[in-house]
Amino acid sequence: MEKTYVLIVSETGSEQHVIEKLLMIDEIKEVNRVWGAYDVVVKVV
């Protein structure tokens, strides 16, 4: 099974909203909030 990781930069304060919307997509198996150059890392299967 192939996996893809998507790195997301979002507006400050919108990270939780972005995560909630992403988790509604069936192909997205994991979403993690991170600190640094990116705000969210998404695992798509």
N, C-alpha and C. Protein backbone atom coordinates (compact mmCIF):
# COMPACT_ATOMS: atom_id res chain seq x y z
N MET A 1 0.84 -1.17 0.00
CA MET A 1 0.00 0.00 0.00
C MET A 1 0.89 1.24 0.00
N GLU A 2 0.61 2.16 -0.90
CA GLU A 2 1.39 3.39 -0.98
C GLU A 2 0.90 4.41 0.03
N LYS A 3 1.82 5.21 0.51
CA LYS A 3 1.49 6.28 1.46
C LYS A 3 2.03 7.59 0.90
N THR A 4 1.33 8.64 1.19
CA THR A 4 1.79 9.98 0.83
C THR A 4 1.68 10.85 2.06
N TYR A 5 2.66 11.69 2.26
CA TYR A 5 2.62 12.65 3.35
C TYR A 5 2.49 14.04 2.76
N VAL A 6 1.58 14.82 3.31
CA VAL A 6 1.34 16.19 2.87
C VAL A 6 1.71 17.12 4.02
N LEU A 7 2.54 18.10 3.73
CA LEU A 7 2.96 19.08 4.73
C LEU A 7 2.20 20.37 4.47
N ILE A 8 1.56 20.89 5.51
CA ILE A 8 0.66 22.03 5.35
C ILE A 8 1.12 23.20 6.22
N VAL A 9 1.10 24.38 5.62
CA VAL A 9 1.29 25.63 6.36
C VAL A 9 -0.08 26.30 6.39
N SER A 10 -0.58 26.61 7.58
CA SER A 10 -1.91 27.22 7.71
C SER A 10 -1.80 28.57 8.40
N GLU A 11 -2.89 29.31 8.36
CA GLU A 11 -2.92 30.60 9.05
C GLU A 11 -2.86 30.36 10.56
N THR A 12 -2.19 31.23 11.24
CA THR A 12 -2.08 31.13 12.69
C THR A 12 -3.47 31.08 13.33
N GLY A 13 -3.67 30.08 14.18
CA GLY A 13 -4.95 29.92 14.87
C GLY A 13 -5.96 29.05 14.15
N SER A 14 -5.69 28.68 12.90
CA SER A 14 -6.66 27.88 12.14
C SER A 14 -6.29 26.40 12.10
N GLU A 15 -5.23 26.01 12.77
CA GLU A 15 -4.73 24.64 12.67
C GLU A 15 -5.78 23.60 13.08
N GLN A 16 -6.47 23.81 14.17
CA GLN A 16 -7.46 22.83 14.64
C GLN A 16 -8.59 22.69 13.65
N HIS A 17 -9.04 23.78 13.07
CA HIS A 17 -10.12 23.74 12.07
C HIS A 17 -9.65 22.95 10.84
N VAL A 18 -8.43 23.19 10.41
CA VAL A 18 -7.87 22.46 9.26
C VAL A 18 -7.81 20.97 9.57
N ILE A 19 -7.35 20.61 10.76
CA ILE A 19 -7.25 19.20 11.16
C ILE A 19 -8.63 18.55 11.17
N GLU A 20 -9.62 19.21 11.73
CA GLU A 20 -10.97 18.65 11.79
C GLU A 20 -11.52 18.40 10.39
N LYS A 21 -11.31 19.32 9.47
CA LYS A 21 -11.80 19.15 8.10
C LYS A 21 -11.07 18.01 7.39
N LEU A 22 -9.77 17.91 7.59
CA LEU A 22 -9.00 16.85 6.95
C LEU A 22 -9.44 15.47 7.43
N LEU A 23 -9.75 15.35 8.71
CA LEU A 23 -10.16 14.05 9.26
C LEU A 23 -11.51 13.57 8.72
N MET A 24 -12.24 14.43 8.05
CA MET A 24 -13.52 14.04 7.43
C MET A 24 -13.30 13.29 6.11
N ILE A 25 -12.09 13.31 5.58
CA ILE A 25 -11.77 12.66 4.30
C ILE A 25 -11.34 11.22 4.58
N ASP A 26 -12.02 10.26 3.95
CA ASP A 26 -11.78 8.83 4.21
C ASP A 26 -10.34 8.40 3.96
N GLU A 27 -9.70 8.92 2.93
CA GLU A 27 -8.35 8.49 2.57
C GLU A 27 -7.28 8.99 3.53
N ILE A 28 -7.63 9.95 4.34
CA ILE A 28 -6.66 10.48 5.31
C ILE A 28 -6.71 9.64 6.57
N LYS A 29 -5.59 9.03 6.89
CA LYS A 29 -5.52 8.09 8.01
C LYS A 29 -4.92 8.69 9.26
N GLU A 30 -4.15 9.76 9.11
CA GLU A 30 -3.48 10.33 10.28
C GLU A 30 -3.21 11.81 10.02
N VAL A 31 -3.45 12.63 11.02
CA VAL A 31 -3.18 14.07 10.94
C VAL A 31 -2.49 14.47 12.24
N ASN A 32 -1.35 15.14 12.11
CA ASN A 32 -0.60 15.56 13.29
C ASN A 32 -0.27 17.04 13.22
N ARG A 33 -0.49 17.73 14.31
CA ARG A 33 -0.08 19.12 14.41
C ARG A 33 1.38 19.14 14.83
N VAL A 34 2.18 19.94 14.13
CA VAL A 34 3.60 20.03 14.43
C VAL A 34 4.00 21.49 14.53
N TRP A 35 5.18 21.73 15.07
CA TRP A 35 5.71 23.09 15.19
C TRP A 35 6.99 23.16 14.39
N GLY A 36 7.17 24.25 13.70
CA GLY A 36 8.36 24.45 12.87
C GLY A 36 7.94 25.06 11.55
N ALA A 37 8.59 24.62 10.49
CA ALA A 37 8.31 25.17 9.16
C ALA A 37 6.89 24.86 8.69
N TYR A 38 6.32 23.76 9.16
CA TYR A 38 4.97 23.35 8.78
C TYR A 38 4.10 23.29 10.02
N ASP A 39 2.78 23.35 9.82
CA ASP A 39 1.83 23.33 10.93
C ASP A 39 1.13 21.99 11.10
N VAL A 40 0.92 21.29 9.97
CA VAL A 40 0.18 20.03 9.99
C VAL A 40 0.86 19.05 9.05
N VAL A 41 0.98 17.79 9.47
CA VAL A 41 1.48 16.71 8.62
C VAL A 41 0.34 15.71 8.47
N VAL A 42 0.03 15.36 7.21
CA VAL A 42 -1.10 14.49 6.91
C VAL A 42 -0.58 13.22 6.24
N LYS A 43 -1.07 12.06 6.71
CA LYS A 43 -0.74 10.77 6.09
C LYS A 43 -1.95 10.33 5.28
N VAL A 44 -1.74 10.16 3.98
CA VAL A 44 -2.82 9.75 3.07
C VAL A 44 -2.51 8.34 2.59
N VAL A 45 -3.50 7.45 2.67
CA VAL A 45 -3.33 6.07 2.21
C VAL A 45 -4.39 5.78 1.17
